[in-house]
């Protein structure tokens, strides 16, 4: 029976991998700060434009994940570079990294807790 269970686990793992595993890592504030400080990493704020205008991380670009043009806008980005992605709480950035991963981006970093966690950490 154990052989069958091991075979089933192997098959399920292969199926899940074939369905497209996520190409991102959710990071703590400290990890995200180190990623943002890495040369070549693009900082992407996926909040609404008014939230971005009220304050954002240095050098961040804004593409609203809930905007109708998100898929089109990310297609113009270089899929081979690393992206550090955040929103207010982490919900929208999770949606963004999922969509970007499916679109072929290979190096994505999501801020756990969003800009709220960043601000709380000082």
N, C-alpha and C. Protein backbone atom coordinates (compact mmCIF):
# COMPACT_ATOMS: atom_id res chain seq x y z
N UNK A 1 0.82 -1.19 0.00
CA UNK A 1 0.00 0.00 0.00
C UNK A 1 0.86 1.26 0.00
N UNK A 2 1.97 1.25 0.72
CA UNK A 2 2.83 2.42 0.80
C UNK A 2 3.44 2.76 -0.56
N UNK A 3 3.73 1.76 -1.38
CA UNK A 3 4.26 2.01 -2.72
C UNK A 3 3.25 2.79 -3.55
N UNK A 4 1.98 2.42 -3.43
CA UNK A 4 0.92 3.10 -4.18
C UNK A 4 0.76 4.54 -3.71
N UNK A 5 0.87 4.76 -2.41
CA UNK A 5 0.77 6.12 -1.87
C UNK A 5 1.93 6.98 -2.37
N UNK A 6 3.13 6.41 -2.35
CA UNK A 6 4.31 7.15 -2.82
C UNK A 6 4.18 7.48 -4.31
N UNK A 7 3.67 6.52 -5.08
CA UNK A 7 3.47 6.76 -6.51
C UNK A 7 2.43 7.85 -6.74
N UNK A 8 1.37 7.83 -5.96
CA UNK A 8 0.32 8.84 -6.09
C UNK A 8 0.88 10.23 -5.75
N UNK A 9 1.67 10.32 -4.70
CA UNK A 9 2.28 11.60 -4.32
C UNK A 9 3.19 12.09 -5.45
N UNK A 10 3.97 11.20 -6.04
CA UNK A 10 4.87 11.58 -7.13
C UNK A 10 4.08 12.09 -8.33
N UNK A 11 3.00 11.42 -8.66
CA UNK A 11 2.16 11.83 -9.79
C UNK A 11 1.52 13.18 -9.51
N UNK A 12 0.97 13.35 -8.32
CA UNK A 12 0.32 14.62 -7.97
C UNK A 12 1.33 15.78 -7.98
N UNK A 13 2.54 15.53 -7.51
CA UNK A 13 3.59 16.55 -7.53
C UNK A 13 3.91 16.94 -8.96
N UNK A 14 4.02 15.97 -9.85
CA UNK A 14 4.30 16.26 -11.26
C UNK A 14 3.16 17.03 -11.91
N UNK A 15 1.92 16.66 -11.58
CA UNK A 15 0.77 17.35 -12.14
C UNK A 15 0.75 18.80 -11.68
N UNK A 16 0.97 19.03 -10.40
CA UNK A 16 0.98 20.39 -9.88
C UNK A 16 2.11 21.21 -10.50
N UNK A 17 3.25 20.61 -10.69
CA UNK A 17 4.37 21.33 -11.32
C UNK A 17 4.03 21.68 -12.76
N UNK A 18 3.37 20.78 -13.44
CA UNK A 18 3.01 21.02 -14.84
C UNK A 18 1.95 22.11 -14.96
N UNK A 19 1.16 22.30 -13.93
CA UNK A 19 0.13 23.33 -13.95
C UNK A 19 0.71 24.73 -13.75
N UNK A 20 1.98 24.81 -13.49
CA UNK A 20 2.61 26.11 -13.35
C UNK A 20 2.83 26.51 -11.91
N UNK A 21 3.95 26.14 -11.38
CA UNK A 21 4.25 26.53 -10.00
C UNK A 21 4.57 28.02 -9.96
N UNK A 22 4.33 28.60 -8.83
CA UNK A 22 4.54 30.04 -8.67
C UNK A 22 6.03 30.37 -8.70
N UNK A 23 6.35 31.46 -9.37
CA UNK A 23 7.73 31.92 -9.47
C UNK A 23 7.95 33.12 -8.56
N UNK A 24 7.47 33.04 -7.33
CA UNK A 24 7.64 34.15 -6.43
C UNK A 24 7.87 33.66 -5.01
N UNK A 25 8.38 34.60 -4.21
CA UNK A 25 8.60 34.32 -2.80
C UNK A 25 7.97 35.45 -2.01
N UNK A 26 7.18 35.10 -1.00
CA UNK A 26 6.65 36.10 -0.09
C UNK A 26 7.70 36.34 0.98
N UNK A 27 8.00 37.63 1.20
CA UNK A 27 9.09 37.99 2.11
C UNK A 27 8.61 38.83 3.28
N UNK A 28 9.34 38.71 4.38
CA UNK A 28 9.12 39.58 5.53
C UNK A 28 9.62 40.98 5.17
N UNK A 29 9.32 41.94 6.01
CA UNK A 29 9.78 43.31 5.77
C UNK A 29 11.30 43.36 5.64
N UNK A 30 12.02 42.69 6.52
CA UNK A 30 13.49 42.72 6.46
C UNK A 30 14.02 42.09 5.17
N UNK A 31 13.45 40.97 4.77
CA UNK A 31 13.87 40.33 3.52
C UNK A 31 13.55 41.22 2.33
N UNK A 32 12.36 41.80 2.34
CA UNK A 32 11.93 42.66 1.24
C UNK A 32 12.82 43.90 1.15
N UNK A 33 13.20 44.47 2.28
CA UNK A 33 14.10 45.63 2.30
C UNK A 33 15.43 45.29 1.65
N UNK A 34 15.94 44.10 1.92
CA UNK A 34 17.19 43.67 1.30
C UNK A 34 17.01 43.48 -0.20
N UNK A 35 15.87 42.93 -0.61
CA UNK A 35 15.60 42.73 -2.04
C UNK A 35 15.51 44.07 -2.75
N UNK A 36 14.77 45.01 -2.16
CA UNK A 36 14.60 46.34 -2.76
C UNK A 36 15.94 47.05 -2.92
N UNK A 37 16.86 46.80 -2.00
CA UNK A 37 18.18 47.44 -2.04
C UNK A 37 19.13 46.79 -3.05
N UNK A 38 18.73 45.69 -3.64
CA UNK A 38 19.56 44.98 -4.60
C UNK A 38 19.54 45.69 -5.95
N UNK A 39 20.71 46.01 -6.49
CA UNK A 39 20.74 46.68 -7.80
C UNK A 39 20.02 45.86 -8.87
N UNK A 40 19.24 46.55 -9.69
CA UNK A 40 18.54 45.90 -10.78
C UNK A 40 17.13 45.43 -10.46
N UNK A 41 16.77 45.41 -9.18
CA UNK A 41 15.42 44.99 -8.80
C UNK A 41 14.46 46.15 -9.06
N UNK A 42 13.36 45.85 -9.73
CA UNK A 42 12.34 46.85 -10.01
C UNK A 42 11.28 46.78 -8.90
N UNK A 43 11.00 47.92 -8.29
CA UNK A 43 9.99 47.98 -7.23
C UNK A 43 8.66 48.35 -7.88
N UNK A 44 7.67 47.49 -7.65
CA UNK A 44 6.37 47.66 -8.29
C UNK A 44 5.27 47.79 -7.24
N UNK A 45 4.61 48.94 -7.24
CA UNK A 45 3.49 49.23 -6.34
C UNK A 45 2.22 48.95 -7.13
N UNK A 46 1.40 48.01 -6.65
CA UNK A 46 0.21 47.61 -7.41
C UNK A 46 -1.08 48.19 -6.82
N UNK A 47 -0.94 49.25 -6.02
CA UNK A 47 -2.12 49.91 -5.45
C UNK A 47 -2.73 50.86 -6.48
N UNK A 48 -3.87 51.45 -6.11
CA UNK A 48 -4.52 52.45 -6.94
C UNK A 48 -3.64 53.69 -7.04
N UNK A 49 -3.79 54.46 -8.10
CA UNK A 49 -2.97 55.65 -8.33
C UNK A 49 -3.04 56.65 -7.19
N UNK A 50 -4.22 56.82 -6.59
CA UNK A 50 -4.34 57.77 -5.49
C UNK A 50 -3.58 57.31 -4.25
N UNK A 51 -3.53 56.00 -4.01
CA UNK A 51 -2.74 55.46 -2.90
C UNK A 51 -1.25 55.68 -3.17
N UNK A 52 -0.85 55.43 -4.40
CA UNK A 52 0.55 55.62 -4.80
C UNK A 52 0.94 57.08 -4.63
N UNK A 53 0.07 57.99 -5.06
CA UNK A 53 0.35 59.43 -4.96
C UNK A 53 0.49 59.89 -3.52
N UNK A 54 -0.19 59.21 -2.61
CA UNK A 54 -0.13 59.59 -1.19
C UNK A 54 1.17 59.16 -0.52
N UNK A 55 1.93 58.30 -1.19
CA UNK A 55 3.21 57.85 -0.65
C UNK A 55 3.56 56.46 -1.13
N UNK A 56 4.82 56.26 -1.47
CA UNK A 56 5.27 54.97 -1.99
C UNK A 56 6.75 54.79 -1.71
N UNK A 57 7.24 53.58 -1.92
CA UNK A 57 8.66 53.30 -1.74
C UNK A 57 9.47 54.01 -2.83
N UNK A 58 10.68 54.37 -2.49
CA UNK A 58 11.56 55.07 -3.43
C UNK A 58 11.72 54.28 -4.72
N UNK A 59 11.66 54.98 -5.82
CA UNK A 59 11.86 54.43 -7.17
C UNK A 59 10.80 53.43 -7.62
N UNK A 60 9.70 53.35 -6.89
CA UNK A 60 8.64 52.41 -7.27
C UNK A 60 7.91 52.92 -8.51
N UNK A 61 7.46 51.97 -9.31
CA UNK A 61 6.56 52.30 -10.41
C UNK A 61 5.18 51.79 -10.02
N UNK A 62 4.15 52.41 -10.55
CA UNK A 62 2.79 52.07 -10.16
C UNK A 62 2.03 51.47 -11.33
N UNK A 63 1.55 50.25 -11.12
CA UNK A 63 0.64 49.60 -12.05
C UNK A 63 -0.47 48.99 -11.19
N UNK A 64 -1.66 49.51 -11.30
CA UNK A 64 -2.79 49.09 -10.49
C UNK A 64 -3.25 47.69 -10.90
N UNK A 65 -3.08 46.73 -10.01
CA UNK A 65 -3.45 45.35 -10.31
C UNK A 65 -4.96 45.21 -10.54
N UNK A 66 -5.75 46.12 -9.99
CA UNK A 66 -7.18 46.04 -10.17
C UNK A 66 -7.66 46.88 -11.35
N UNK A 67 -6.72 47.53 -12.04
CA UNK A 67 -7.07 48.32 -13.21
C UNK A 67 -7.30 47.43 -14.42
N UNK A 68 -8.10 47.89 -15.36
CA UNK A 68 -8.43 47.08 -16.53
C UNK A 68 -7.25 46.80 -17.45
N UNK A 69 -6.18 47.57 -17.33
CA UNK A 69 -5.03 47.44 -18.22
C UNK A 69 -3.86 46.68 -17.59
N UNK A 70 -4.04 46.08 -16.41
CA UNK A 70 -2.92 45.44 -15.72
C UNK A 70 -2.21 44.41 -16.60
N UNK A 71 -2.95 43.50 -17.18
CA UNK A 71 -2.34 42.45 -18.01
C UNK A 71 -1.56 43.04 -19.17
N UNK A 72 -2.11 44.05 -19.80
CA UNK A 72 -1.43 44.71 -20.92
C UNK A 72 -0.18 45.44 -20.45
N UNK A 73 -0.29 46.13 -19.32
CA UNK A 73 0.85 46.89 -18.81
C UNK A 73 2.01 46.00 -18.40
N UNK A 74 1.73 44.86 -17.78
CA UNK A 74 2.84 44.00 -17.39
C UNK A 74 3.50 43.33 -18.59
N UNK A 75 2.77 43.20 -19.67
CA UNK A 75 3.37 42.61 -20.87
C UNK A 75 4.52 43.46 -21.42
N UNK A 76 4.51 44.75 -21.11
CA UNK A 76 5.59 45.63 -21.59
C UNK A 76 6.81 45.59 -20.68
N UNK A 77 6.73 44.88 -19.56
CA UNK A 77 7.86 44.80 -18.64
C UNK A 77 8.81 43.67 -19.03
N UNK A 78 10.06 43.81 -18.65
CA UNK A 78 11.08 42.80 -18.91
C UNK A 78 10.87 41.62 -17.95
N UNK A 79 10.55 40.48 -18.50
CA UNK A 79 10.25 39.30 -17.68
C UNK A 79 11.49 38.67 -17.05
N UNK A 80 12.66 39.09 -17.49
CA UNK A 80 13.89 38.46 -16.98
C UNK A 80 14.48 39.16 -15.76
N UNK A 81 13.94 40.33 -15.38
CA UNK A 81 14.48 41.02 -14.21
C UNK A 81 13.65 40.69 -12.98
N UNK A 82 14.18 41.00 -11.81
CA UNK A 82 13.49 40.75 -10.55
C UNK A 82 12.56 41.91 -10.20
N UNK A 83 11.39 41.57 -9.65
CA UNK A 83 10.40 42.56 -9.24
C UNK A 83 10.06 42.37 -7.76
N UNK A 84 10.14 43.46 -7.02
CA UNK A 84 9.71 43.50 -5.62
C UNK A 84 8.35 44.18 -5.62
N UNK A 85 7.32 43.44 -5.26
CA UNK A 85 5.93 43.90 -5.45
C UNK A 85 5.24 44.07 -4.11
N UNK A 86 4.52 45.19 -3.98
CA UNK A 86 3.79 45.43 -2.75
C UNK A 86 2.49 46.17 -3.02
N UNK A 87 1.61 46.12 -2.01
CA UNK A 87 0.36 46.88 -2.02
C UNK A 87 0.13 47.38 -0.60
N UNK A 88 -1.09 47.55 -0.20
CA UNK A 88 -1.39 48.05 1.15
C UNK A 88 -1.22 46.96 2.20
N UNK A 89 -1.84 45.80 1.97
CA UNK A 89 -1.85 44.75 3.00
C UNK A 89 -1.26 43.42 2.56
N UNK A 90 -1.00 43.28 1.28
CA UNK A 90 -0.48 42.01 0.75
C UNK A 90 -1.48 41.26 -0.10
N UNK A 91 -2.74 41.60 -0.04
CA UNK A 91 -3.77 40.90 -0.83
C UNK A 91 -3.60 41.15 -2.32
N UNK A 92 -3.50 42.42 -2.70
CA UNK A 92 -3.38 42.75 -4.13
C UNK A 92 -2.03 42.35 -4.69
N UNK A 93 -0.97 42.45 -3.90
CA UNK A 93 0.34 42.05 -4.41
C UNK A 93 0.38 40.54 -4.64
N UNK A 94 -0.35 39.78 -3.84
CA UNK A 94 -0.44 38.33 -4.06
C UNK A 94 -1.14 38.05 -5.39
N UNK A 95 -2.19 38.79 -5.68
CA UNK A 95 -2.88 38.65 -6.96
C UNK A 95 -1.92 39.00 -8.10
N UNK A 96 -1.16 40.09 -7.93
CA UNK A 96 -0.23 40.53 -8.96
C UNK A 96 0.86 39.49 -9.22
N UNK A 97 1.47 38.94 -8.15
CA UNK A 97 2.54 37.96 -8.38
C UNK A 97 1.99 36.69 -9.00
N UNK A 98 0.77 36.32 -8.65
CA UNK A 98 0.15 35.15 -9.29
C UNK A 98 -0.02 35.39 -10.79
N UNK A 99 -0.56 36.56 -11.15
CA UNK A 99 -0.78 36.87 -12.56
C UNK A 99 0.55 37.00 -13.31
N UNK A 100 1.52 37.65 -12.68
CA UNK A 100 2.82 37.83 -13.34
C UNK A 100 3.55 36.50 -13.51
N UNK A 101 3.43 35.63 -12.52
CA UNK A 101 4.03 34.30 -12.63
C UNK A 101 3.43 33.54 -13.80
N UNK A 102 2.12 33.58 -13.93
CA UNK A 102 1.44 32.91 -15.04
C UNK A 102 1.81 33.53 -16.38
N UNK A 103 2.18 34.81 -16.36
CA UNK A 103 2.56 35.51 -17.60
C UNK A 103 4.02 35.28 -17.99
N UNK A 104 4.76 34.53 -17.16
CA UNK A 104 6.12 34.17 -17.52
C UNK A 104 7.22 34.91 -16.78
N UNK A 105 6.88 35.73 -15.79
CA UNK A 105 7.91 36.39 -14.98
C UNK A 105 8.54 35.34 -14.07
N UNK A 106 9.83 35.40 -13.90
CA UNK A 106 10.53 34.33 -13.19
C UNK A 106 11.13 34.71 -11.85
N UNK A 107 11.17 36.00 -11.53
CA UNK A 107 11.80 36.43 -10.28
C UNK A 107 10.94 37.50 -9.62
N UNK A 108 10.04 37.05 -8.74
CA UNK A 108 9.07 37.93 -8.12
C UNK A 108 9.14 37.81 -6.60
N UNK A 109 9.07 38.96 -5.93
CA UNK A 109 9.12 39.01 -4.48
C UNK A 109 7.93 39.81 -3.97
N UNK A 110 7.16 39.20 -3.09
CA UNK A 110 5.93 39.78 -2.56
C UNK A 110 6.14 40.18 -1.10
N UNK A 111 5.78 41.41 -0.75
CA UNK A 111 5.92 41.90 0.62
C UNK A 111 4.76 41.41 1.48
N UNK A 112 5.05 40.54 2.44
CA UNK A 112 4.03 40.05 3.37
C UNK A 112 3.52 41.22 4.21
N UNK A 113 2.22 41.39 4.25
CA UNK A 113 1.63 42.46 5.05
C UNK A 113 1.62 43.81 4.37
N UNK A 114 2.21 43.91 3.19
CA UNK A 114 2.18 45.13 2.40
C UNK A 114 2.87 46.31 3.04
N UNK A 115 2.57 47.48 2.49
CA UNK A 115 3.18 48.73 2.95
C UNK A 115 2.80 49.03 4.40
N UNK A 116 1.68 48.48 4.85
CA UNK A 116 1.28 48.63 6.26
C UNK A 116 2.32 47.98 7.18
N UNK A 117 2.76 46.78 6.82
CA UNK A 117 3.78 46.09 7.62
C UNK A 117 5.10 46.84 7.53
N UNK A 118 5.41 47.36 6.34
CA UNK A 118 6.64 48.13 6.13
C UNK A 118 6.64 49.35 7.06
N UNK A 119 5.54 50.09 7.08
CA UNK A 119 5.43 51.30 7.91
C UNK A 119 5.50 50.95 9.40
N UNK A 120 4.84 49.86 9.79
CA UNK A 120 4.85 49.44 11.19
C UNK A 120 6.25 49.05 11.66
N UNK A 121 7.05 48.54 10.73
CA UNK A 121 8.42 48.12 11.07
C UNK A 121 9.36 49.32 11.16
N UNK A 122 8.88 50.48 10.70
CA UNK A 122 9.71 51.69 10.78
C UNK A 122 10.63 51.81 9.63
